[in-house]
Full PDB file with SEQRES, HELIX, SHEET, SSBOND, CRYST1, ORIGX, SCALE, CONECT and MASTER records, all heavy atoms in Angstrom:
SEQRES   1 A   41  THR THR LEU GLU VAL LEU SER ASP LEU LEU LYS ILE PRO          
SEQRES   2 A   41  THR GLY GLU PHE ASP GLY SER PHE THR GLN MET ASP TRP          
SEQRES   3 A   41  ALA ASP ASP GLU ILE ALA ALA ALA MET HIS ARG TYR PRO          
SEQRES   4 A   41  ASP GLN                                                      
HELIX    1 AA1 THR A    2  ASP A    8  1                                   7    
HELIX    2 AA2 SER A   20  ARG A   37  1                                  18    
CRYST1    1.000    1.000    1.000  90.00  90.00  90.00 P 1           1          
ORIGX1      1.000000  0.000000  0.000000        0.00000                         
ORIGX2      0.000000  1.000000  0.000000        0.00000                         
ORIGX3      0.000000  0.000000  1.000000        0.00000                         
SCALE1      1.000000  0.000000  0.000000        0.00000                         
SCALE2      0.000000  1.000000  0.000000        0.00000                         
SCALE3      0.000000  0.000000  1.000000        0.00000                         
ATOM      1  N   THR A   1      85.951  83.684 113.825  1.00  0.00           N  
ATOM      2  CA  THR A   1      85.799  84.455 112.590  1.00  0.00           C  
ATOM      3  C   THR A   1      87.144  84.703 111.915  1.00  0.00           C  
ATOM      4  O   THR A   1      87.259  84.707 110.696  1.00  0.00           O  
ATOM      5  CB  THR A   1      85.128  85.812 112.882  1.00  0.00           C  
ATOM      6  OG1 THR A   1      83.870  85.572 113.498  1.00  0.00           O  
ATOM      7  CG2 THR A   1      84.914  86.591 111.602  1.00  0.00           C  
ATOM      8  N   THR A   2      88.182  84.896 112.707  1.00  0.00           N  
ATOM      9  CA  THR A   2      89.498  85.165 112.149  1.00  0.00           C  
ATOM     10  C   THR A   2      89.941  84.054 111.206  1.00  0.00           C  
ATOM     11  O   THR A   2      90.299  84.298 110.056  1.00  0.00           O  
ATOM     12  CB  THR A   2      90.532  85.307 113.281  1.00  0.00           C  
ATOM     13  OG1 THR A   2      90.156  86.392 114.118  1.00  0.00           O  
ATOM     14  CG2 THR A   2      91.917  85.566 112.722  1.00  0.00           C  
ATOM     15  N   LEU A   3      89.924  82.821 111.681  1.00  0.00           N  
ATOM     16  CA  LEU A   3      90.369  81.715 110.847  1.00  0.00           C  
ATOM     17  C   LEU A   3      89.396  81.426 109.720  1.00  0.00           C  
ATOM     18  O   LEU A   3      89.782  80.998 108.638  1.00  0.00           O  
ATOM     19  CB  LEU A   3      90.569  80.464 111.696  1.00  0.00           C  
ATOM     20  CG  LEU A   3      91.703  80.557 112.716  1.00  0.00           C  
ATOM     21  CD1 LEU A   3      91.891  79.233 113.419  1.00  0.00           C  
ATOM     22  CD2 LEU A   3      93.000  80.975 112.038  1.00  0.00           C  
ATOM     23  N   GLU A   4      88.109  81.657 109.979  1.00  0.00           N  
ATOM     24  CA  GLU A   4      87.137  81.446 108.919  1.00  0.00           C  
ATOM     25  C   GLU A   4      87.406  82.389 107.749  1.00  0.00           C  
ATOM     26  O   GLU A   4      87.347  81.985 106.585  1.00  0.00           O  
ATOM     27  CB  GLU A   4      85.719  81.664 109.451  1.00  0.00           C  
ATOM     28  CG  GLU A   4      85.257  80.579 110.405  1.00  0.00           C  
ATOM     29  CD  GLU A   4      83.913  80.889 111.023  1.00  0.00           C  
ATOM     30  OE1 GLU A   4      83.378  81.990 110.764  1.00  0.00           O  
ATOM     31  OE2 GLU A   4      83.419  80.033 111.766  1.00  0.00           O  
ATOM     32  N   VAL A   5      87.710  83.642 108.071  1.00  0.00           N  
ATOM     33  CA  VAL A   5      87.988  84.609 107.011  1.00  0.00           C  
ATOM     34  C   VAL A   5      89.257  84.249 106.267  1.00  0.00           C  
ATOM     35  O   VAL A   5      89.319  84.271 105.035  1.00  0.00           O  
ATOM     36  CB  VAL A   5      88.092  86.037 107.580  1.00  0.00           C  
ATOM     37  CG1 VAL A   5      88.575  87.019 106.522  1.00  0.00           C  
ATOM     38  CG2 VAL A   5      86.735  86.485 108.113  1.00  0.00           C  
ATOM     39  N   LEU A   6      90.315  83.889 106.997  1.00  0.00           N  
ATOM     40  CA  LEU A   6      91.570  83.507 106.346  1.00  0.00           C  
ATOM     41  C   LEU A   6      91.366  82.302 105.435  1.00  0.00           C  
ATOM     42  O   LEU A   6      91.832  82.275 104.302  1.00  0.00           O  
ATOM     43  CB  LEU A   6      92.633  83.196 107.391  1.00  0.00           C  
ATOM     44  CG  LEU A   6      93.195  84.380 108.181  1.00  0.00           C  
ATOM     45  CD1 LEU A   6      94.144  83.870 109.255  1.00  0.00           C  
ATOM     46  CD2 LEU A   6      93.911  85.361 107.272  1.00  0.00           C  
ATOM     47  N   SER A   7      90.658  81.306 105.944  1.00  0.00           N  
ATOM     48  CA  SER A   7      90.450  80.104 105.148  1.00  0.00           C  
ATOM     49  C   SER A   7      89.549  80.376 103.949  1.00  0.00           C  
ATOM     50  O   SER A   7      89.736  79.812 102.873  1.00  0.00           O  
ATOM     51  CB  SER A   7      89.843  78.997 106.012  1.00  0.00           C  
ATOM     52  OG  SER A   7      90.776  78.586 106.996  1.00  0.00           O  
ATOM     53  N   ASP A   8      88.566  81.253 104.120  1.00  0.00           N  
ATOM     54  CA  ASP A   8      87.693  81.594 103.005  1.00  0.00           C  
ATOM     55  C   ASP A   8      88.475  82.219 101.863  1.00  0.00           C  
ATOM     56  O   ASP A   8      88.168  82.015 100.685  1.00  0.00           O  
ATOM     57  CB  ASP A   8      86.589  82.566 103.448  1.00  0.00           C  
ATOM     58  CG  ASP A   8      85.496  81.864 104.244  1.00  0.00           C  
ATOM     59  OD1 ASP A   8      85.457  80.615 104.212  1.00  0.00           O  
ATOM     60  OD2 ASP A   8      84.697  82.561 104.894  1.00  0.00           O  
ATOM     61  N   LEU A   9      89.526  82.958 102.203  1.00  0.00           N  
ATOM     62  CA  LEU A   9      90.337  83.590 101.168  1.00  0.00           C  
ATOM     63  C   LEU A   9      91.131  82.577 100.361  1.00  0.00           C  
ATOM     64  O   LEU A   9      91.627  82.883  99.278  1.00  0.00           O  
ATOM     65  CB  LEU A   9      91.289  84.618 101.788  1.00  0.00           C  
ATOM     66  CG  LEU A   9      90.619  85.907 102.276  1.00  0.00           C  
ATOM     67  CD1 LEU A   9      91.630  86.752 103.038  1.00  0.00           C  
ATOM     68  CD2 LEU A   9      90.052  86.696 101.104  1.00  0.00           C  
ATOM     69  N   LEU A  10      91.251  81.357 100.875  1.00  0.00           N  
ATOM     70  CA  LEU A  10      91.954  80.311 100.152  1.00  0.00           C  
ATOM     71  C   LEU A  10      91.007  79.375  99.407  1.00  0.00           C  
ATOM     72  O   LEU A  10      91.430  78.360  98.881  1.00  0.00           O  
ATOM     73  CB  LEU A  10      92.823  79.488 101.111  1.00  0.00           C  
ATOM     74  CG  LEU A  10      94.084  80.190 101.603  1.00  0.00           C  
ATOM     75  CD1 LEU A  10      94.852  79.289 102.554  1.00  0.00           C  
ATOM     76  CD2 LEU A  10      94.981  80.583 100.439  1.00  0.00           C  
ATOM     77  N   LYS A  11      89.723  79.721  99.375  1.00  0.00           N  
ATOM     78  CA  LYS A  11      88.799  78.939  98.571  1.00  0.00           C  
ATOM     79  C   LYS A  11      89.040  79.248  97.101  1.00  0.00           C  
ATOM     80  O   LYS A  11      89.346  80.371  96.722  1.00  0.00           O  
ATOM     81  CB  LYS A  11      87.345  79.265  98.948  1.00  0.00           C  
ATOM     82  CG  LYS A  11      86.945  78.738 100.316  1.00  0.00           C  
ATOM     83  CD  LYS A  11      85.495  79.047 100.608  1.00  0.00           C  
ATOM     84  CE  LYS A  11      85.079  78.477 101.964  1.00  0.00           C  
ATOM     85  NZ  LYS A  11      83.679  78.818 102.305  1.00  0.00           N  
ATOM     86  N   ILE A  12      88.921  78.247  96.264  1.00  0.00           N  
ATOM     87  CA  ILE A  12      89.228  78.407  94.844  1.00  0.00           C  
ATOM     88  C   ILE A  12      87.972  78.820  94.087  1.00  0.00           C  
ATOM     89  O   ILE A  12      87.052  78.033  93.908  1.00  0.00           O  
ATOM     90  CB  ILE A  12      89.776  77.096  94.257  1.00  0.00           C  
ATOM     91  CG1 ILE A  12      91.022  76.652  95.041  1.00  0.00           C  
ATOM     92  CG2 ILE A  12      90.092  77.238  92.783  1.00  0.00           C  
ATOM     93  CD1 ILE A  12      91.528  75.298  94.634  1.00  0.00           C  
ATOM     94  N   PRO A  13      87.890  80.082  93.636  1.00  0.00           N  
ATOM     95  CA  PRO A  13      86.712  80.528  92.910  1.00  0.00           C  
ATOM     96  C   PRO A  13      86.664  79.960  91.501  1.00  0.00           C  
ATOM     97  O   PRO A  13      87.695  79.795  90.851  1.00  0.00           O  
ATOM     98  CB  PRO A  13      86.876  82.055  92.871  1.00  0.00           C  
ATOM     99  CG  PRO A  13      88.342  82.279  92.976  1.00  0.00           C  
ATOM    100  CD  PRO A  13      88.887  81.146  93.820  1.00  0.00           C  
ATOM    101  N   THR A  14      85.474  79.651  91.024  1.00  0.00           N  
ATOM    102  CA  THR A  14      85.305  79.100  89.692  1.00  0.00           C  
ATOM    103  C   THR A  14      85.804  80.083  88.646  1.00  0.00           C  
ATOM    104  O   THR A  14      85.518  81.265  88.698  1.00  0.00           O  
ATOM    105  CB  THR A  14      83.813  78.803  89.432  1.00  0.00           C  
ATOM    106  OG1 THR A  14      83.362  77.893  90.425  1.00  0.00           O  
ATOM    107  CG2 THR A  14      83.616  78.193  88.056  1.00  0.00           C  
ATOM    108  N   GLY A  15      86.578  79.575  87.708  1.00  0.00           N  
ATOM    109  CA  GLY A  15      87.037  80.409  86.611  1.00  0.00           C  
ATOM    110  C   GLY A  15      88.346  81.115  86.850  1.00  0.00           C  
ATOM    111  O   GLY A  15      88.880  81.753  85.942  1.00  0.00           O  
ATOM    112  N   GLU A  16      88.928  81.045  88.064  1.00  0.00           N  
ATOM    113  CA  GLU A  16      90.170  81.754  88.322  1.00  0.00           C  
ATOM    114  C   GLU A  16      91.378  81.010  87.775  1.00  0.00           C  
ATOM    115  O   GLU A  16      92.421  81.579  87.552  1.00  0.00           O  
ATOM    116  CB  GLU A  16      90.351  81.995  89.822  1.00  0.00           C  
ATOM    117  CG  GLU A  16      91.602  82.794  90.152  1.00  0.00           C  
ATOM    118  CD  GLU A  16      91.561  83.393  91.532  1.00  0.00           C  
ATOM    119  OE1 GLU A  16      90.466  83.547  92.085  1.00  0.00           O  
ATOM    120  OE2 GLU A  16      92.642  83.711  92.053  1.00  0.00           O  
ATOM    121  N   PHE A  17      91.220  79.722  87.537  1.00  0.00           N  
ATOM    122  CA  PHE A  17      92.358  78.925  87.064  1.00  0.00           C  
ATOM    123  C   PHE A  17      91.927  78.091  85.876  1.00  0.00           C  
ATOM    124  O   PHE A  17      90.873  77.494  85.891  1.00  0.00           O  
ATOM    125  CB  PHE A  17      92.837  78.004  88.189  1.00  0.00           C  
ATOM    126  CG  PHE A  17      93.923  77.054  87.763  1.00  0.00           C  
ATOM    127  CD1 PHE A  17      95.182  77.515  87.423  1.00  0.00           C  
ATOM    128  CD2 PHE A  17      93.671  75.695  87.700  1.00  0.00           C  
ATOM    129  CE1 PHE A  17      96.174  76.639  87.025  1.00  0.00           C  
ATOM    130  CE2 PHE A  17      94.660  74.814  87.308  1.00  0.00           C  
ATOM    131  CZ  PHE A  17      95.907  75.285  86.975  1.00  0.00           C  
ATOM    132  N   ASP A  18      92.758  78.083  84.808  1.00  0.00           N  
ATOM    133  CA  ASP A  18      92.339  77.364  83.606  1.00  0.00           C  
ATOM    134  C   ASP A  18      93.338  76.307  83.175  1.00  0.00           C  
ATOM    135  O   ASP A  18      93.366  75.917  82.027  1.00  0.00           O  
ATOM    136  CB  ASP A  18      92.062  78.341  82.463  1.00  0.00           C  
ATOM    137  CG  ASP A  18      93.286  79.163  82.076  1.00  0.00           C  
ATOM    138  OD1 ASP A  18      94.382  78.853  82.579  1.00  0.00           O  
ATOM    139  OD2 ASP A  18      93.133  80.102  81.277  1.00  0.00           O  
ATOM    140  N   GLY A  19      94.186  75.828  84.102  1.00  0.00           N  
ATOM    141  CA  GLY A  19      95.024  74.697  83.768  1.00  0.00           C  
ATOM    142  C   GLY A  19      96.501  74.963  83.911  1.00  0.00           C  
ATOM    143  O   GLY A  19      96.945  76.025  84.316  1.00  0.00           O  
ATOM    144  N   SER A  20      97.293  73.933  83.547  1.00  0.00           N  
ATOM    145  CA  SER A  20      98.723  73.982  83.788  1.00  0.00           C  
ATOM    146  C   SER A  20      99.426  75.066  82.986  1.00  0.00           C  
ATOM    147  O   SER A  20     100.451  75.600  83.408  1.00  0.00           O  
ATOM    148  CB  SER A  20      99.341  72.622  83.490  1.00  0.00           C  
ATOM    149  OG  SER A  20      99.167  72.274  82.128  1.00  0.00           O  
ATOM    150  N   PHE A  21      98.910  75.409  81.791  1.00  0.00           N  
ATOM    151  CA  PHE A  21      99.552  76.449  81.007  1.00  0.00           C  
ATOM    152  C   PHE A  21      99.542  77.773  81.759  1.00  0.00           C  
ATOM    153  O   PHE A  21     100.492  78.548  81.684  1.00  0.00           O  
ATOM    154  CB  PHE A  21      98.860  76.612  79.655  1.00  0.00           C  
ATOM    155  CG  PHE A  21      99.246  75.555  78.654  1.00  0.00           C  
ATOM    156  CD1 PHE A  21      98.286  74.720  78.111  1.00  0.00           C  
ATOM    157  CD2 PHE A  21     100.565  75.382  78.271  1.00  0.00           C  
ATOM    158  CE1 PHE A  21      98.633  73.748  77.196  1.00  0.00           C  
ATOM    159  CE2 PHE A  21     100.929  74.413  77.357  1.00  0.00           C  
ATOM    160  CZ  PHE A  21      99.960  73.583  76.821  1.00  0.00           C  
ATOM    161  N   THR A  22      98.463  78.049  82.454  1.00  0.00           N  
ATOM    162  CA  THR A  22      98.380  79.292  83.215  1.00  0.00           C  
ATOM    163  C   THR A  22      99.423  79.306  84.320  1.00  0.00           C  
ATOM    164  O   THR A  22     100.113  80.306  84.539  1.00  0.00           O  
ATOM    165  CB  THR A  22      96.976  79.458  83.810  1.00  0.00           C  
ATOM    166  OG1 THR A  22      96.016  79.517  82.758  1.00  0.00           O  
ATOM    167  CG2 THR A  22      96.890  80.741  84.627  1.00  0.00           C  
ATOM    168  N   GLN A  23      99.560  78.206  85.038  1.00  0.00           N  
ATOM    169  CA  GLN A  23     100.575  78.136  86.089  1.00  0.00           C  
ATOM    170  C   GLN A  23     101.980  78.270  85.517  1.00  0.00           C  
ATOM    171  O   GLN A  23     102.851  78.882  86.137  1.00  0.00           O  
ATOM    172  CB  GLN A  23     100.443  76.819  86.865  1.00  0.00           C  
ATOM    173  CG  GLN A  23      99.343  76.853  87.914  1.00  0.00           C  
ATOM    174  CD  GLN A  23      99.274  75.555  88.691  1.00  0.00           C  
ATOM    175  OE1 GLN A  23      99.355  74.481  88.108  1.00  0.00           O  
ATOM    176  NE2 GLN A  23      99.126  75.642  89.993  1.00  0.00           N  
ATOM    177  N   MET A  24     102.212  77.721  84.350  1.00  0.00           N  
ATOM    178  CA  MET A  24     103.516  77.869  83.716  1.00  0.00           C  
ATOM    179  C   MET A  24     103.819  79.336  83.432  1.00  0.00           C  
ATOM    180  O   MET A  24     104.947  79.810  83.623  1.00  0.00           O  
ATOM    181  CB  MET A  24     103.567  77.048  82.426  1.00  0.00           C  
ATOM    182  CG  MET A  24     103.577  75.542  82.648  1.00  0.00           C  
ATOM    183  SD  MET A  24     103.384  74.589  81.118  1.00  0.00           S  
ATOM    184  CE  MET A  24     104.971  74.909  80.347  1.00  0.00           C  
ATOM    185  N   ASP A  25     102.804  80.074  82.995  1.00  0.00           N  
ATOM    186  CA  ASP A  25     102.994  81.505  82.740  1.00  0.00           C  
ATOM    187  C   ASP A  25     103.289  82.252  84.036  1.00  0.00           C  
ATOM    188  O   ASP A  25     104.151  83.137  84.068  1.00  0.00           O  
ATOM    189  CB  ASP A  25     101.751  82.094  82.069  1.00  0.00           C  
ATOM    190  CG  ASP A  25     101.627  81.698  80.604  1.00  0.00           C  
ATOM    191  OD1 ASP A  25     102.655  81.313  80.013  1.00  0.00           O  
ATOM    192  OD2 ASP A  25     100.509  81.769  80.065  1.00  0.00           O  
ATOM    193  N   TRP A  26     102.573  81.890  85.119  1.00  0.00           N  
ATOM    194  CA  TRP A  26     102.837  82.543  86.411  1.00  0.00           C  
ATOM    195  C   TRP A  26     104.260  82.256  86.859  1.00  0.00           C  
ATOM    196  O   TRP A  26     104.955  83.154  87.345  1.00  0.00           O  
ATOM    197  CB  TRP A  26     101.860  82.047  87.461  1.00  0.00           C  
ATOM    198  CG  TRP A  26     100.417  82.380  87.202  1.00  0.00           C  
ATOM    199  CD1 TRP A  26      99.938  83.359  86.376  1.00  0.00           C  
ATOM    200  CD2 TRP A  26      99.277  81.726  87.762  1.00  0.00           C  
ATOM    201  NE1 TRP A  26      98.560  83.353  86.393  1.00  0.00           N  
ATOM    202  CE2 TRP A  26      98.130  82.371  87.231  1.00  0.00           C  
ATOM    203  CE3 TRP A  26      99.106  80.671  88.642  1.00  0.00           C  
ATOM    204  CZ2 TRP A  26      96.829  81.990  87.575  1.00  0.00           C  
ATOM    205  CZ3 TRP A  26      97.817  80.282  88.991  1.00  0.00           C  
ATOM    206  CH2 TRP A  26      96.693  80.935  88.470  1.00  0.00           C  
ATOM    207  N   ALA A  27     104.686  81.012  86.703  1.00  0.00           N  
ATOM    208  CA  ALA A  27     106.047  80.640  87.099  1.00  0.00           C  
ATOM    209  C   ALA A  27     107.071  81.418  86.287  1.00  0.00           C  
ATOM    210  O   ALA A  27     108.065  81.929  86.831  1.00  0.00           O  
ATOM    211  CB  ALA A  27     106.253  79.138  86.925  1.00  0.00           C  
ATOM    212  N   ASP A  28     106.851  81.518  84.987  1.00  0.00           N  
ATOM    213  CA  ASP A  28     107.786  82.265  84.148  1.00  0.00           C  
ATOM    214  C   ASP A  28     107.816  83.741  84.534  1.00  0.00           C  
ATOM    215  O   ASP A  28     108.875  84.373  84.514  1.00  0.00           O  
ATOM    216  CB  ASP A  28     107.410  82.117  82.678  1.00  0.00           C  
ATOM    217  CG  ASP A  28     108.016  80.877  82.042  1.00  0.00           C  
ATOM    218  OD1 ASP A  28     109.183  80.577  82.329  1.00  0.00           O  
ATOM    219  OD2 ASP A  28     107.330  80.215  81.255  1.00  0.00           O  
ATOM    220  N   ASP A  29     106.656  84.299  84.885  1.00  0.00           N  
ATOM    221  CA  ASP A  29     106.613  85.695  85.335  1.00  0.00           C  
ATOM    222  C   ASP A  29     107.462  85.883  86.585  1.00  0.00           C  
ATOM    223  O   ASP A  29     108.214  86.862  86.706  1.00  0.00           O  
ATOM    224  CB  ASP A  29     105.177  86.119  85.633  1.00  0.00           C  
ATOM    225  CG  ASP A  29     104.359  86.362  84.379  1.00  0.00           C  
ATOM    226  OD1 ASP A  29     104.948  86.454  83.285  1.00  0.00           O  
ATOM    227  OD2 ASP A  29     103.117  86.462  84.499  1.00  0.00           O  
ATOM    228  N   GLU A  30     107.321  84.960  87.545  1.00  0.00           N  
ATOM    229  CA  GLU A  30     108.073  85.080  88.794  1.00  0.00           C  
ATOM    230  C   GLU A  30     109.572  84.860  88.569  1.00  0.00           C  
ATOM    231  O   GLU A  30     110.394  85.502  89.224  1.00  0.00           O  
ATOM    232  CB  GLU A  30     107.526  84.090  89.830  1.00  0.00           C  
ATOM    233  CG  GLU A  30     106.134  84.422  90.334  1.00  0.00           C  
ATOM    234  CD  GLU A  30     106.057  85.809  90.969  1.00  0.00           C  
ATOM    235  OE1 GLU A  30     107.047  86.242  91.606  1.00  0.00           O  
ATOM    236  OE2 GLU A  30     105.014  86.465  90.821  1.00  0.00           O  
ATOM    237  N   ILE A  31     109.922  83.970  87.656  1.00  0.00           N  
ATOM    238  CA  ILE A  31     111.335  83.783  87.325  1.00  0.00           C  
ATOM    239  C   ILE A  31     111.903  85.060  86.722  1.00  0.00           C  
ATOM    240  O   ILE A  31     113.003  85.502  87.086  1.00  0.00           O  
ATOM    241  CB  ILE A  31     111.508  82.587  86.365  1.00  0.00           C  
ATOM    242  CG1 ILE A  31     111.257  81.276  87.117  1.00  0.00           C  
ATOM    243  CG2 ILE A  31     112.903  82.582  85.748  1.00  0.00           C  
ATOM    244  CD1 ILE A  31     111.219  80.048  86.225  1.00  0.00           C  
ATOM    245  N   ALA A  32     111.171  85.669  85.801  1.00  0.00           N  
ATOM    246  CA  ALA A  32     111.639  86.919  85.182  1.00  0.00           C  
ATOM    247  C   ALA A  32     111.814  88.013  86.229  1.00  0.00           C  
ATOM    248  O   ALA A  32     112.792  88.770  86.202  1.00  0.00           O  
ATOM    249  CB  ALA A  32     110.657  87.353  84.098  1.00  0.00           C  
ATOM    250  N   ALA A  33     110.858  88.096  87.165  1.00  0.00           N  
ATOM    251  CA  ALA A  33     110.951  89.112  88.222  1.00  0.00           C  
ATOM    252  C   ALA A  33     112.153  88.845  89.125  1.00  0.00           C  
ATOM    253  O   ALA A  33     112.857  89.773  89.536  1.00  0.00           O  
ATOM    254  CB  ALA A  33     109.661  89.130  89.038  1.00  0.00           C  
ATOM    255  N   ALA A  34     112.401  87.570  89.435  1.00  0.00           N  
ATOM    256  CA  ALA A  34     113.550  87.226  90.280  1.00  0.00           C  
ATOM    257  C   ALA A  34     114.862  87.527  89.561  1.00  0.00           C  
ATOM    258  O   ALA A  34     115.828  87.985  90.180  1.00  0.00           O  
ATOM    259  CB  ALA A  34     113.482  85.745  90.670  1.00  0.00           C  
ATOM    260  N   MET A  35     114.911  87.281  88.274  1.00  0.00           N  
ATOM    261  CA  MET A  35     116.112  87.592  87.499  1.00  0.00           C  
ATOM    262  C   MET A  35     116.394  89.089  87.515  1.00  0.00           C  
ATOM    263  O   MET A  35     117.556  89.517  87.509  1.00  0.00           O  
ATOM    264  CB  MET A  35     115.951  87.087  86.062  1.00  0.00           C  
ATOM    265  CG  MET A  35     115.949  85.567  85.952  1.00  0.00           C  
ATOM    266  SD  MET A  35     115.427  84.951  84.323  1.00  0.00           S  
ATOM    267  CE  MET A  35     116.774  85.513  83.295  1.00  0.00           C  
ATOM    268  N   HIS A  36     115.344  89.878  87.557  1.00  0.00           N  
ATOM    269  CA  HIS A  36     115.506  91.335  87.646  1.00  0.00           C  
ATOM    270  C   HIS A  36     115.985  91.740  89.046  1.00  0.00           C  
ATOM    271  O   HIS A  36     116.829  92.636  89.178  1.00  0.00           O  
ATOM    272  CB  HIS A  36     114.184  92.028  87.323  1.00  0.00           C  
ATOM    273  CG  HIS A  36     114.245  93.519  87.369  1.00  0.00           C  
ATOM    274  ND1 HIS A  36     114.860  94.275  86.396  1.00  0.00           N  
ATOM    275  CD2 HIS A  36     113.776  94.401  88.294  1.00  0.00           C  
ATOM    276  CE1 HIS A  36     114.778  95.561  86.710  1.00  0.00           C  
ATOM    277  NE2 HIS A  36     114.128  95.664  87.845  1.00  0.00           N  
ATOM    278  N   ARG A  37     115.468  91.060  90.080  1.00  0.00           N  
ATOM    279  CA  ARG A  37     115.873  91.373  91.453  1.00  0.00           C  
ATOM    280  C   ARG A  37     117.322  90.964  91.717  1.00  0.00           C  
ATOM    281  O   ARG A  37     118.026  91.618  92.472  1.00  0.00           O  
ATOM    282  CB  ARG A  37     114.969  90.651  92.477  1.00  0.00           C  
ATOM    283  CG  ARG A  37     113.555  91.159  92.549  1.00  0.00           C  
ATOM    284  CD  ARG A  37     112.834  90.687  93.817  1.00  0.00           C  
ATOM    285  NE  ARG A  37     112.800  89.253  93.994  1.00  0.00           N  
ATOM    286  CZ  ARG A  37     111.882  88.456  93.444  1.00  0.00           C  
ATOM    287  NH1 ARG A  37     110.953  88.974  92.658  1.00  0.00           N  
ATOM    288  NH2 ARG A  37     111.889  87.152  93.675  1.00  0.00           N  
ATOM    289  N   TYR A  38     117.723  89.847  91.116  1.00  0.00           N  
ATOM    290  CA  TYR A  38     119.058  89.289  91.370  1.00  0.00           C  
ATOM    291  C   TYR A  38     119.790  89.073  90.043  1.00  0.00           C  
ATOM    292  O   TYR A  38     119.978  87.933  89.605  1.00  0.00           O  
ATOM    293  CB  TYR A  38     118.939  87.961  92.119  1.00  0.00           C  
ATOM    294  CG  TYR A  38     118.068  87.998  93.344  1.00  0.00           C  
ATOM    295  CD1 TYR A  38     116.795  87.426  93.333  1.00  0.00           C  
ATOM    296  CD2 TYR A  38     118.511  88.600  94.522  1.00  0.00           C  
ATOM    297  CE1 TYR A  38     115.985  87.449  94.467  1.00  0.00           C  
ATOM    298  CE2 TYR A  38     117.709  88.636  95.657  1.00  0.00           C  
ATOM    299  CZ  TYR A  38     116.454  88.057  95.615  1.00  0.00           C  
ATOM    300  OH  TYR A  38     115.653  88.076  96.730  1.00  0.00           O  
ATOM    301  N   PRO A  39     120.209  90.124  89.382  1.00  0.00           N  
ATOM    302  CA  PRO A  39     120.836  89.970  88.051  1.00  0.00           C  
ATOM    303  C   PRO A  39     122.083  89.099  88.064  1.00  0.00           C  
ATOM    304  O   PRO A  39     122.373  88.437  87.061  1.00  0.00           O  
ATOM    305  CB  PRO A  39     121.151  91.422  87.648  1.00  0.00           C  
ATOM    306  CG  PRO A  39     121.167  92.201  88.933  1.00  0.00           C  
ATOM    307  CD  PRO A  39     120.152  91.533  89.808  1.00  0.00           C  
ATOM    308  N   ASP A  40     122.809  89.064  89.181  1.00  0.00           N  
ATOM    309  CA  ASP A  40     124.013  88.239  89.244  1.00  0.00           C  
ATOM    310  C   ASP A  40     123.683  86.746  89.225  1.00  0.00           C  
ATOM    311  O   ASP A  40     124.556  85.922  88.945  1.00  0.00           O  
ATOM    312  CB  ASP A  40     124.829  88.559  90.500  1.00  0.00           C  
ATOM    313  CG  ASP A  40     125.465  89.937  90.451  1.00  0.00           C  
ATOM    314  OD1 ASP A  40     125.531  90.512  89.341  1.00  0.00           O  
ATOM    315  OD2 ASP A  40     125.877  90.437  91.513  1.00  0.00           O  
ATOM    316  N   GLN A  41     122.450  86.409  89.552  1.00  0.00           N  
ATOM    317  CA  GLN A  41     122.034  85.000  89.583  1.00  0.00           C  
ATOM    318  C   GLN A  41     121.010  84.698  88.487  1.00  0.00           C  
ATOM    319  O   GLN A  41     120.317  83.675  88.551  1.00  0.00           O  
ATOM    320  CB  GLN A  41     121.430  84.666  90.957  1.00  0.00           C  
ATOM    321  CG  GLN A  41     122.335  84.937  92.120  1.00  0.00           C  
ATOM    322  CD  GLN A  41     123.599  84.107  92.085  1.00  0.00           C  
ATOM    323  OE1 GLN A  41     123.648  83.064  91.435  1.00  0.00           O  
ATOM    324  NE2 GLN A  41     124.641  84.564  92.759  1.00  0.00           N  
TER     325      GLN A  41                                                      
MASTER        0    0    0    2    0    0    0    6  324    1    0    4          
END                                                                             
C-alpha cells in the first residue's frame, strides 16, 4: 500500500496541465523565487 499510494500521487490528473506555456510560467516563478533566496546570484 505504501508504494501504491506514493505512485498514485504521481498520476497525472486530467486538466492539471495545459501545455508548455504553463511549464514556462512555473519555471519563471521558481527562477524569481530563487533570485529572491540568493540575491547575490
